[in-house]
Amino acid sequence: MFEPSYYRRCGCKTPALDSDGKPTFNEDGTPKLKQLGATCPSLKQSKHGTWTFNFELEAGENGKRRRIRRSGWPTKDKAQEEAKKAYDEAMAGGDVLSDETMEEYLTSWLKRKRALARTTAHGYAEHITNYLIPHLGHIKRRDLRPRHIEAMYDAVEQANAKRVIHRARIEELVTAMEDAKRAWVQAKTVQERRPLRAAYIAANGALKDGRKGLRKTTGPATIKRINDTLSSSLGTGVKKGYFSRNWAAMVELPSAKRPRALVWTDARIAEWKRTGVRPSPVMVWTPKQTGRFLDEVADDRMYALWHLLIFRGLRRGEACALPWSEVDLDGGWIHVSQQIVEVAYKTYGEEPKADSVRTISIDKPTRLVLAAWKERQKSERKEWDEKKGPYVDSGRVFTQESGEPFHPDWFSRRFKRLVELLGMPPVRLHDLRHGSATLALAAGVDIKVVQERLGHSSRQITSDTYTSVLPELMHAEADAIAAIVPRDTKGRKGAREDDGQERAA
């Protein structure tokens, strides 16, 4: 039964006395003090002290007493209101007796998540360390509410505003540095160059100082992932009775849509060259641009890798881990069952998610390319053994000349360098997956087949993110719709002529 009691108390202190009524002292000689609490004579004053409530819950295991006592409210009405909230929380299954903080809870929760993939665990740890603990860590677990989570995201938005201003300031410093350097280089005499060089050095130093502490803004997608981490932890707590509800699920977040892939049309290329700004984070080449890239890099040592990524859409980590034992050139298939993941630049081998374990068919040109690469790898192995020492037999498809495996980041850096050297519109290495899906759709492949080849958990993900429609297909679709409606062109012409004659009359 809910029967709370209410009383006022304060933090006033008085000298502590021993059993004989004499003052007691600390080791440093100072007198010991004790709180007067509810016995303070000043409590007769209406504004002195704060209100406290306490009430009993049903006894716990072995008849253990379960008593809730909270204090700190300025009025009795407020104490009554909070007592009712605490009671309702307890009746809803919340653990209202715990003094555990959110920092303690989140830390222990992450330690118990032993089955997480390494990259997922790393992401959770970053969210907890960089966001959740700084903003929520001091709050007692029992007191967490949506308003605390909303306040965290408000603080994130305020930090974003400061970072935008910081970045704008850096852009100004970059312009000033470039202007100073240009003036110094273009100076004609030594007398002119000396002060201009000093100005350039000063501008460059100001730029270096200005860049200190620069951080990226926390976008809507990142905020959603942070909230997903918090929601996962609170969901576990709800099951254990630590929380009555998953408060993170009640918070409204900014919209975080997946970026759609855009094709590098001539107009977009012209605008990119003019401004240096990419139209979308996700860009794909047209078939003509893709063909040009493959033709230009045909002599590159890693041509087989670029060919495979473009036509079959493997992820970087999947290609990096792919062993020859999972490639059947005669049967024409590749079994993707391994991947290399990068965490703080360290690499780890692990199994992909269940949906990403798949068997991919490979076309005849891709088989020929891989077969040629396999022969080259054998030749490199022989040459390495003869001239440089033991060859590292990693068993992987794509290796260094020594046989050692690559770091996944090397693929990205090499691809970016090739694109820059060719002067082609920029795409990321991962964008080749988007391009692969686009090429498949242009060829009339069913989206379900594309989904399974790319290893997506749902067809919706493929549709929303990886399927940019080529302009040629868009024109064909528009023309097809227009062509299906029969029109009497001759009749329309006659009607216009008759109408014109009537108006003239």
Protein backbone atom coordinates (compact mmCIF):
# COMPACT_ATOMS: atom_id res chain seq x y z
CA MET A 1 0.00 0.00 0.00
CA PHE A 2 1.24 3.46 -0.89
CA GLU A 3 1.50 5.30 2.44
CA PRO A 4 4.37 7.79 2.26
CA SER A 5 5.46 10.06 5.04
CA TYR A 6 6.73 13.60 4.55
CA TYR A 7 8.93 15.82 6.66
CA ARG A 8 11.35 18.68 6.38
CA ARG A 9 15.06 18.50 7.05
CA CYS A 10 18.11 20.65 6.40
CA GLY A 11 21.85 20.45 6.05
CA CYS A 12 22.74 22.55 9.07
CA LYS A 13 25.50 21.08 11.25
CA THR A 14 26.33 21.10 14.92
CA PRO A 15 29.36 19.77 16.92
CA ALA A 16 29.18 16.01 17.45
CA LEU A 17 29.21 14.92 21.12
CA ASP A 18 30.30 11.68 22.71
CA SER A 19 28.26 9.65 25.22
CA ASP A 20 29.34 12.00 28.00
CA GLY A 21 28.15 15.04 26.10
CA LYS A 22 31.65 16.24 25.27
CA PRO A 23 32.74 17.47 21.80
CA THR A 24 34.65 15.00 19.61
CA PHE A 25 37.51 15.89 17.29
CA ASN A 26 39.04 14.76 14.00
CA GLU A 27 42.65 13.59 13.69
CA ASP A 28 43.71 17.10 12.61
CA GLY A 29 42.19 18.60 15.74
CA THR A 30 39.12 20.12 14.13
CA PRO A 31 35.77 19.42 15.83
CA LYS A 32 33.59 16.74 14.32
CA LEU A 33 30.24 17.89 13.01
CA LYS A 34 26.90 16.19 12.42
CA GLN A 35 23.81 17.23 10.50
CA LEU A 36 20.82 18.42 12.47
CA GLY A 37 18.45 17.04 9.85
CA ALA A 38 14.86 17.19 11.05
CA THR A 39 15.83 18.54 14.51
CA CYS A 40 17.11 21.90 13.34
CA PRO A 41 15.28 24.68 15.23
CA SER A 42 15.40 26.88 12.13
CA LEU A 43 12.93 24.56 10.41
CA LYS A 44 10.20 26.61 12.08
CA GLN A 45 10.93 29.10 9.33
CA SER A 46 8.87 28.19 6.24
CA LYS A 47 11.69 28.62 3.74
CA HIS A 48 14.37 26.78 5.70
CA GLY A 49 15.32 23.24 4.65
CA THR A 50 13.76 20.93 2.06
CA TRP A 51 11.04 18.29 2.04
CA THR A 52 11.73 14.56 2.18
CA PHE A 53 9.47 11.59 1.53
CA ASN A 54 9.83 7.90 2.28
CA PHE A 55 7.63 4.86 1.84
CA GLU A 56 7.88 1.09 1.97
CA LEU A 57 7.64 -1.28 -0.99
CA GLU A 58 6.82 -4.97 -0.76
CA ALA A 59 9.56 -6.90 0.98
CA GLY A 60 12.20 -8.39 -1.26
CA GLU A 61 13.88 -11.79 -1.14
CA ASN A 62 14.09 -13.32 2.32
CA GLY A 63 11.82 -10.57 3.63
CA LYS A 64 14.43 -7.89 2.99
CA ARG A 65 13.08 -4.43 3.68
CA ARG A 66 12.70 -2.19 0.62
CA ARG A 67 12.38 1.44 1.61
CA ILE A 68 12.52 4.48 -0.69
CA ARG A 69 13.63 7.81 0.73
CA ARG A 70 14.30 10.93 -1.35
CA SER A 71 14.82 14.54 -0.33
CA GLY A 72 15.52 17.98 -1.74
CA TRP A 73 12.10 19.43 -2.68
CA PRO A 74 11.19 23.02 -1.80
CA THR A 75 7.53 22.30 -1.04
CA LYS A 76 5.47 19.43 0.33
CA ASP A 77 3.33 19.43 -2.82
CA LYS A 78 6.41 18.82 -4.94
CA ALA A 79 7.57 16.05 -2.62
CA GLN A 80 4.13 14.41 -2.90
CA GLU A 81 4.28 14.62 -6.68
CA GLU A 82 7.73 13.02 -6.80
CA ALA A 83 6.72 10.33 -4.32
CA LYS A 84 3.84 9.32 -6.57
CA LYS A 85 6.19 9.19 -9.59
CA ALA A 86 8.63 6.99 -7.69
CA TYR A 87 5.84 4.66 -6.60
CA ASP A 88 4.43 4.41 -10.15
CA GLU A 89 7.92 3.71 -11.47
CA ALA A 90 8.37 0.92 -8.95
CA MET A 91 4.97 -0.58 -9.79
CA ALA A 92 5.88 -0.48 -13.51
CA GLY A 93 8.91 -2.64 -12.81
CA GLY A 94 11.62 0.00 -12.58
CA ASP A 95 14.53 -0.46 -10.19
CA VAL A 96 14.01 2.68 -8.08
CA LEU A 97 16.31 1.59 -5.25
CA SER A 98 19.57 1.50 -7.18
CA ASP A 99 22.14 4.30 -6.88
CA GLU A 100 24.01 3.10 -9.97
CA THR A 101 24.89 5.91 -12.37
CA MET A 102 24.42 5.74 -16.12
CA GLU A 103 28.20 5.69 -16.56
CA GLU A 104 28.45 2.58 -14.39
CA TYR A 105 25.49 0.96 -16.12
CA LEU A 106 26.67 1.65 -19.71
CA THR A 107 30.19 0.50 -18.94
CA SER A 108 29.04 -2.79 -17.42
CA TRP A 109 26.48 -3.29 -20.21
CA LEU A 110 29.14 -3.02 -22.90
CA LYS A 111 31.42 -5.45 -21.06
CA ARG A 112 28.64 -8.03 -21.05
CA LYS A 113 28.07 -7.73 -24.83
CA ARG A 114 30.62 -10.39 -25.70
CA ALA A 115 28.93 -11.61 -28.88
CA LEU A 116 29.19 -8.30 -30.75
CA ALA A 117 31.14 -8.05 -33.98
CA ARG A 118 34.38 -6.17 -33.45
CA THR A 119 33.36 -3.15 -35.52
CA THR A 120 29.98 -2.96 -33.77
CA ALA A 121 31.61 -3.12 -30.34
CA HIS A 122 34.05 -0.38 -31.38
CA GLY A 123 31.17 1.81 -32.55
CA TYR A 124 29.26 1.26 -29.28
CA ALA A 125 32.39 2.13 -27.28
CA GLU A 126 32.88 5.37 -29.23
CA HIS A 127 29.27 6.41 -28.68
CA ILE A 128 29.44 5.65 -24.96
CA THR A 129 32.82 7.35 -24.45
CA ASN A 130 32.30 10.43 -26.62
CA TYR A 131 28.61 11.16 -26.08
CA LEU A 132 26.63 9.09 -23.59
CA ILE A 133 28.95 9.24 -20.59
CA PRO A 134 29.86 12.96 -20.94
CA HIS A 135 26.18 13.94 -21.10
CA LEU A 136 24.33 11.20 -19.18
CA GLY A 137 27.00 9.49 -17.10
CA HIS A 138 26.39 11.51 -13.92
CA ILE A 139 22.65 10.75 -13.85
CA LYS A 140 21.48 7.93 -11.63
CA ARG A 141 20.05 5.10 -13.66
CA ARG A 142 16.74 5.26 -11.81
CA ASP A 143 16.35 8.97 -12.65
CA LEU A 144 16.98 8.81 -16.42
CA ARG A 145 14.14 10.29 -18.49
CA PRO A 146 13.64 11.43 -22.11
CA ARG A 147 14.37 15.05 -21.14
CA HIS A 148 17.95 14.09 -20.27
CA ILE A 149 18.44 12.42 -23.65
CA GLU A 150 16.90 15.38 -25.46
CA ALA A 151 19.22 17.73 -23.57
CA MET A 152 22.17 15.65 -24.79
CA TYR A 153 21.14 16.06 -28.42
CA ASP A 154 20.56 19.79 -27.87
CA ALA A 155 24.14 20.02 -26.60
CA VAL A 156 25.35 18.11 -29.66
CA GLU A 157 23.57 20.58 -31.94
CA GLN A 158 25.14 23.50 -30.09
CA ALA A 159 28.59 21.91 -30.48
CA ASN A 160 27.86 21.44 -34.19
CA ALA A 161 27.12 25.16 -34.55
CA LYS A 162 30.48 26.01 -32.98
CA ARG A 163 32.26 23.55 -35.26
CA VAL A 164 30.64 25.09 -38.34
CA ILE A 165 31.90 28.50 -37.26
CA HIS A 166 35.33 26.99 -36.57
CA ARG A 167 35.43 25.42 -40.04
CA ALA A 168 34.39 28.70 -41.67
CA ARG A 169 37.20 30.45 -39.82
CA ILE A 170 39.68 27.86 -41.10
CA GLU A 171 38.49 28.44 -44.67
CA GLU A 172 39.22 32.14 -44.18
CA LEU A 173 42.69 31.31 -42.87
CA VAL A 174 43.32 29.00 -45.84
CA THR A 175 42.39 31.79 -48.26
CA ALA A 176 44.64 34.25 -46.40
CA MET A 177 47.53 31.77 -46.46
CA GLU A 178 47.12 31.07 -50.19
CA ASP A 179 46.95 34.79 -50.98
CA ALA A 180 50.08 35.45 -48.93
CA LYS A 181 51.92 32.60 -50.64
CA ARG A 182 50.87 33.78 -54.09
CA ALA A 183 52.06 37.32 -53.34
CA TRP A 184 55.39 36.00 -52.06
CA VAL A 185 55.99 33.75 -55.08
CA GLN A 186 55.06 36.47 -57.56
CA ALA A 187 57.28 39.14 -55.98
CA LYS A 188 60.06 40.20 -58.37
CA THR A 189 62.78 41.58 -56.09
CA VAL A 190 64.46 40.38 -52.91
CA GLN A 191 63.31 43.50 -51.08
CA GLU A 192 59.70 42.71 -51.96
CA ARG A 193 60.00 39.00 -51.18
CA ARG A 194 61.33 39.30 -47.63
CA PRO A 195 58.29 40.94 -45.97
CA LEU A 196 55.93 38.88 -48.14
CA ARG A 197 57.66 35.67 -47.07
CA ALA A 198 57.32 36.73 -43.44
CA ALA A 199 53.63 37.40 -44.04
CA TYR A 200 53.22 33.97 -45.59
CA ILE A 201 54.96 32.28 -42.64
CA ALA A 202 52.70 34.16 -40.23
CA ALA A 203 49.57 33.23 -42.21
CA ASN A 204 50.64 29.58 -42.35
CA GLY A 205 51.25 29.57 -38.59
CA ALA A 206 47.84 31.10 -37.97
CA LEU A 207 46.29 28.34 -40.09
CA LYS A 208 48.05 25.61 -38.11
CA ASP A 209 46.90 27.15 -34.82
CA GLY A 210 43.38 27.56 -36.18
CA ARG A 211 43.13 23.90 -37.11
CA LYS A 212 43.79 22.78 -33.54
CA GLY A 213 40.75 21.20 -31.95
CA LEU A 214 38.84 20.97 -35.23
CA ARG A 215 36.23 18.19 -35.14
CA LYS A 216 33.64 16.99 -37.60
CA THR A 217 30.03 17.86 -37.03
CA THR A 218 27.79 15.13 -35.65
CA GLY A 219 25.25 14.55 -38.40
CA PRO A 220 21.72 13.10 -38.20
CA ALA A 221 22.93 9.63 -39.20
CA THR A 222 25.48 9.60 -36.37
CA ILE A 223 22.89 10.86 -33.88
CA LYS A 224 20.61 8.00 -34.91
CA ARG A 225 23.41 5.48 -34.34
CA ILE A 226 24.14 7.01 -30.93
CA ASN A 227 20.48 6.70 -30.02
CA ASP A 228 20.45 3.11 -31.31
CA THR A 229 23.33 2.31 -28.94
CA LEU A 230 21.53 3.90 -26.00
CA SER A 231 18.26 2.20 -26.96
CA SER A 232 19.97 -1.18 -27.11
CA SER A 233 21.41 -0.70 -23.63
CA LEU A 234 18.10 0.49 -22.18
CA GLY A 235 16.29 -2.39 -23.87
CA THR A 236 18.51 -4.79 -21.98
CA GLY A 237 17.80 -2.84 -18.78
CA VAL A 238 14.04 -3.07 -19.30
CA LYS A 239 14.29 -6.86 -19.54
CA LYS A 240 16.25 -6.94 -16.27
CA GLY A 241 13.84 -4.60 -14.49
CA TYR A 242 16.31 -1.70 -14.28
CA PHE A 243 14.07 0.63 -16.30
CA SER A 244 10.32 0.74 -16.59
CA ARG A 245 10.52 1.90 -20.22
CA ASN A 246 13.04 2.34 -23.02
CA TRP A 247 13.36 6.11 -22.78
CA ALA A 248 15.54 6.38 -25.89
CA ALA A 249 12.67 5.09 -28.03
CA MET A 250 10.57 8.06 -26.94
CA VAL A 251 12.96 10.73 -28.24
CA GLU A 252 12.30 12.40 -31.59
CA LEU A 253 15.42 12.49 -33.73
CA PRO A 254 16.36 14.62 -36.74
CA SER A 255 15.65 13.02 -40.10
CA ALA A 256 18.52 10.82 -41.27
CA LYS A 257 17.83 9.55 -44.77
CA ARG A 258 20.22 7.30 -46.63
CA PRO A 259 22.00 9.30 -49.34
CA ARG A 260 20.85 8.23 -52.79
CA ALA A 261 23.45 7.47 -55.39
CA LEU A 262 23.71 10.02 -58.19
CA VAL A 263 25.22 9.46 -61.61
CA TRP A 264 28.04 11.67 -62.91
CA THR A 265 26.23 13.40 -65.77
CA ASP A 266 27.98 15.99 -67.96
CA ALA A 267 26.19 18.83 -66.17
CA ARG A 268 27.22 17.53 -62.74
CA ILE A 269 30.81 17.09 -63.86
CA ALA A 270 30.90 20.67 -65.13
CA GLU A 271 29.52 21.99 -61.84
CA TRP A 272 31.97 19.87 -59.84
CA LYS A 273 34.89 21.25 -61.86
CA ARG A 274 33.60 24.78 -61.27
CA THR A 275 32.97 24.51 -57.52
CA GLY A 276 34.88 21.41 -56.38
CA VAL A 277 31.71 20.19 -54.61
CA ARG A 278 30.33 16.68 -55.13
CA PRO A 279 26.55 16.60 -55.73
CA SER A 280 26.09 13.72 -53.27
CA PRO A 281 28.23 11.69 -50.85
CA VAL A 282 27.40 8.68 -53.04
CA MET A 283 28.32 9.06 -56.73
CA VAL A 284 28.56 6.47 -59.50
CA TRP A 285 30.00 6.46 -62.98
CA THR A 286 28.02 5.93 -66.16
CA PRO A 287 28.77 2.74 -68.14
CA LYS A 288 30.90 4.83 -70.50
CA GLN A 289 32.92 6.31 -67.62
CA THR A 290 33.29 2.87 -66.04
CA GLY A 291 34.57 1.46 -69.32
CA ARG A 292 37.07 4.29 -69.63
CA PHE A 293 38.43 3.61 -66.14
CA LEU A 294 38.85 -0.10 -66.83
CA ASP A 295 40.58 0.62 -70.16
CA GLU A 296 42.94 3.12 -68.57
CA VAL A 297 43.96 0.82 -65.69
CA ALA A 298 44.20 -2.37 -67.75
CA ASP A 299 47.98 -2.47 -67.09
CA ASP A 300 47.66 -1.78 -63.36
CA ARG A 301 48.84 -4.69 -61.22
CA MET A 302 45.51 -4.71 -59.33
CA TYR A 303 43.32 -4.60 -62.43
CA ALA A 304 41.64 -7.90 -61.47
CA LEU A 305 40.55 -6.33 -58.17
CA TRP A 306 39.00 -3.27 -59.83
CA HIS A 307 37.28 -5.50 -62.41
CA LEU A 308 35.81 -7.76 -59.71
CA LEU A 309 34.57 -4.89 -57.55
CA ILE A 310 32.94 -3.13 -60.50
CA PHE A 311 31.13 -6.12 -61.94
CA ARG A 312 30.39 -8.20 -58.83
CA GLY A 313 30.13 -5.52 -56.12
CA LEU A 314 32.14 -7.12 -53.30
CA ARG A 315 32.90 -5.04 -50.23
CA ARG A 316 36.47 -3.95 -49.66
CA GLY A 317 36.95 -6.20 -46.63
CA GLU A 318 35.42 -9.17 -48.47
CA ALA A 319 37.80 -8.81 -51.40
CA CYS A 320 40.73 -8.38 -49.03
CA ALA A 321 39.92 -11.66 -47.22
CA LEU A 322 38.86 -13.70 -50.26
CA PRO A 323 40.88 -16.95 -50.46
CA TRP A 324 41.49 -18.91 -53.68
CA SER A 325 39.86 -21.91 -51.99
CA GLU A 326 36.51 -20.09 -52.22
CA VAL A 327 36.87 -19.26 -55.93
CA ASP A 328 35.82 -21.79 -58.59
CA LEU A 329 36.90 -20.49 -61.98
CA ASP A 330 35.63 -23.59 -63.79
CA GLY A 331 32.21 -23.54 -62.14
CA GLY A 332 32.04 -19.75 -62.25
CA TRP A 333 31.32 -18.81 -58.64
CA ILE A 334 32.78 -17.11 -55.58
CA HIS A 335 31.73 -17.94 -52.02
CA VAL A 336 31.92 -14.91 -49.71
CA SER A 337 32.30 -16.14 -46.14
CA GLN A 338 35.14 -14.04 -44.71
CA GLN A 339 36.01 -10.37 -44.35
CA ILE A 340 38.80 -8.21 -43.00
CA VAL A 341 37.62 -5.38 -40.75
CA GLU A 342 39.61 -2.36 -39.66
CA VAL A 343 39.40 -0.92 -36.15
CA ALA A 344 41.76 1.98 -35.41
CA TYR A 345 43.79 0.84 -38.47
CA LYS A 346 44.34 -2.61 -36.96
CA THR A 347 42.91 -5.44 -39.04
CA TYR A 348 40.91 -8.42 -37.84
CA GLY A 349 39.41 -11.36 -39.67
CA GLU A 350 35.79 -12.19 -38.88
CA GLU A 351 32.71 -13.68 -40.46
CA PRO A 352 30.34 -11.30 -42.23
CA LYS A 353 26.74 -10.88 -41.07
CA ALA A 354 24.47 -13.80 -41.94
CA ASP A 355 22.93 -11.99 -44.92
CA SER A 356 26.38 -11.20 -46.31
CA VAL A 357 27.51 -14.84 -46.47
CA ARG A 358 26.63 -15.70 -50.05
CA THR A 359 27.68 -17.39 -53.27
CA ILE A 360 28.16 -15.09 -56.26
CA SER A 361 28.24 -16.24 -59.87
CA ILE A 362 31.00 -14.78 -62.03
CA ASP A 363 30.74 -14.07 -65.74
CA LYS A 364 33.17 -15.37 -68.36
CA PRO A 365 35.18 -12.11 -68.72
CA THR A 366 35.65 -11.98 -64.93
CA ARG A 367 36.78 -15.62 -64.91
CA LEU A 368 39.37 -14.85 -67.58
CA VAL A 369 40.60 -11.81 -65.68
CA LEU A 370 40.94 -13.79 -62.43
CA ALA A 371 42.65 -16.67 -64.22
CA ALA A 372 45.20 -14.28 -65.73
CA TRP A 373 45.75 -12.73 -62.30
CA LYS A 374 46.27 -16.17 -60.75
CA GLU A 375 48.99 -16.97 -63.31
CA ARG A 376 50.66 -13.63 -62.63
CA GLN A 377 50.57 -14.34 -58.91
CA LYS A 378 52.31 -17.68 -59.53
CA SER A 379 55.02 -15.96 -61.57
CA GLU A 380 55.53 -13.34 -58.86
CA ARG A 381 55.82 -16.08 -56.27
CA LYS A 382 58.52 -17.86 -58.25
CA GLU A 383 60.44 -14.64 -58.85
CA TRP A 384 60.14 -13.63 -55.18
CA ASP A 385 61.41 -17.00 -53.96
CA GLU A 386 64.41 -16.79 -56.31
CA LYS A 387 65.44 -13.20 -55.64
CA LYS A 388 64.08 -11.93 -52.33
CA GLY A 389 63.48 -14.83 -49.99
CA PRO A 390 60.54 -16.95 -48.80
CA TYR A 391 57.16 -16.11 -50.29
CA VAL A 392 54.31 -15.64 -47.78
CA ASP A 393 51.61 -18.13 -48.72
CA SER A 394 48.52 -16.41 -47.35
CA GLY A 395 46.21 -18.24 -49.75
CA ARG A 396 44.36 -15.04 -50.56
CA VAL A 397 43.37 -13.91 -54.01
CA PHE A 398 44.69 -10.36 -53.78
CA THR A 399 48.13 -10.11 -52.25
CA GLN A 400 51.29 -8.05 -52.41
CA GLU A 401 54.16 -9.30 -54.56
CA SER A 402 55.56 -11.00 -51.45
CA GLY A 403 52.32 -12.90 -50.96
CA GLU A 404 51.46 -10.89 -47.85
CA PRO A 405 47.86 -9.73 -47.53
CA PHE A 406 46.89 -6.11 -48.05
CA HIS A 407 45.50 -3.72 -45.49
CA PRO A 408 41.96 -2.87 -46.68
CA ASP A 409 42.76 0.83 -46.56
CA TRP A 410 45.46 0.34 -49.19
CA PHE A 411 42.76 -0.60 -51.72
CA SER A 412 40.93 2.66 -51.05
CA ARG A 413 44.06 4.81 -51.23
CA ARG A 414 45.26 3.15 -54.45
CA PHE A 415 41.88 3.50 -56.11
CA LYS A 416 41.60 7.17 -55.14
CA ARG A 417 45.06 7.83 -56.57
CA LEU A 418 44.19 6.16 -59.87
CA VAL A 419 41.00 8.21 -60.21
CA GLU A 420 42.94 11.41 -59.53
CA LEU A 421 45.67 10.54 -62.05
CA LEU A 422 43.05 9.87 -64.72
CA GLY A 423 41.24 13.14 -63.97
CA MET A 424 37.94 11.32 -63.65
CA PRO A 425 34.99 12.53 -61.56
CA PRO A 426 35.58 11.22 -58.04
CA VAL A 427 33.89 8.16 -56.63
CA ARG A 428 34.85 6.24 -53.51
CA LEU A 429 35.96 2.63 -53.67
CA HIS A 430 32.72 1.67 -51.89
CA ASP A 431 30.78 3.52 -54.59
CA LEU A 432 31.77 0.76 -57.00
CA ARG A 433 29.12 -1.34 -55.19
CA HIS A 434 26.54 1.31 -56.01
CA GLY A 435 27.76 1.37 -59.59
CA SER A 436 27.57 -2.42 -59.77
CA ALA A 437 23.92 -2.32 -58.71
CA THR A 438 23.18 0.43 -61.21
CA LEU A 439 24.79 -1.50 -64.06
CA ALA A 440 22.78 -4.58 -63.12
CA LEU A 441 19.50 -2.65 -63.19
CA ALA A 442 20.44 -1.08 -66.51
CA ALA A 443 20.93 -4.61 -67.84
CA GLY A 444 17.42 -5.54 -66.69
CA VAL A 445 18.42 -7.70 -63.69
CA ASP A 446 15.69 -8.14 -61.08
CA ILE A 447 16.29 -6.11 -57.92
CA LYS A 448 15.94 -9.25 -55.75
CA VAL A 449 18.88 -10.82 -57.57
CA VAL A 450 20.92 -7.64 -57.05
CA GLN A 451 20.02 -7.65 -53.35
CA GLU A 452 21.25 -11.22 -52.88
CA ARG A 453 24.45 -10.62 -54.84
CA LEU A 454 25.32 -7.54 -52.76
CA GLY A 455 24.47 -9.32 -49.50
CA HIS A 456 21.80 -6.94 -48.20
CA SER A 457 19.36 -8.00 -45.50
CA SER A 458 16.40 -6.56 -47.37
CA ARG A 459 15.38 -5.51 -50.82
CA GLN A 460 14.43 -2.08 -49.43
CA ILE A 461 18.06 -1.28 -48.57
CA THR A 462 19.06 -2.09 -52.13
CA SER A 463 16.28 0.04 -53.53
CA ASP A 464 16.87 3.04 -51.25
CA THR A 465 20.64 3.28 -51.36
CA TYR A 466 22.36 1.27 -54.05
CA THR A 467 20.13 1.65 -57.06
CA SER A 468 20.72 4.94 -58.81
CA VAL A 469 18.93 4.89 -62.16
CA LEU A 470 21.00 5.84 -65.18
CA PRO A 471 19.77 8.74 -67.35
CA GLU A 472 19.41 6.38 -70.31
CA LEU A 473 16.93 4.25 -68.35
CA MET A 474 15.02 7.30 -67.17
CA HIS A 475 14.62 8.53 -70.77
CA ALA A 476 13.60 5.07 -71.93
CA GLU A 477 10.97 4.84 -69.17
CA ALA A 478 9.57 8.28 -70.02
CA ASP A 479 9.43 7.51 -73.75
CA ALA A 480 7.79 4.14 -73.09
CA ILE A 481 4.98 5.76 -71.09
CA ALA A 482 4.40 8.43 -73.74
CA ALA A 483 4.37 5.83 -76.53
CA ILE A 484 1.71 3.63 -74.93
CA VAL A 485 -1.04 6.30 -75.29
CA PRO A 486 -2.45 6.34 -78.89
CA ARG A 487 -2.84 9.81 -80.41
CA ASP A 488 -4.56 10.95 -83.64
CA THR A 489 -1.97 13.41 -84.89
CA LYS A 490 -3.81 14.03 -88.18
CA GLY A 491 -7.13 14.72 -86.46
CA ARG A 492 -5.45 17.16 -84.05
CA LYS A 493 -3.90 19.03 -86.98
CA GLY A 494 -7.26 19.33 -88.76
CA ALA A 495 -8.94 20.53 -85.62
CA ARG A 496 -6.33 23.24 -85.18
CA GLU A 497 -6.83 24.39 -88.79
CA ASP A 498 -10.63 24.56 -88.39
CA ASP A 499 -10.27 26.45 -85.15
CA GLY A 500 -7.95 28.95 -86.79
CA GLN A 501 -10.40 29.55 -89.67
CA GLU A 502 -13.26 30.20 -87.21
CA ARG A 503 -11.20 32.74 -85.26
CA ALA A 504 -10.19 34.47 -88.51
CA ALA A 505 -13.87 34.73 -89.58
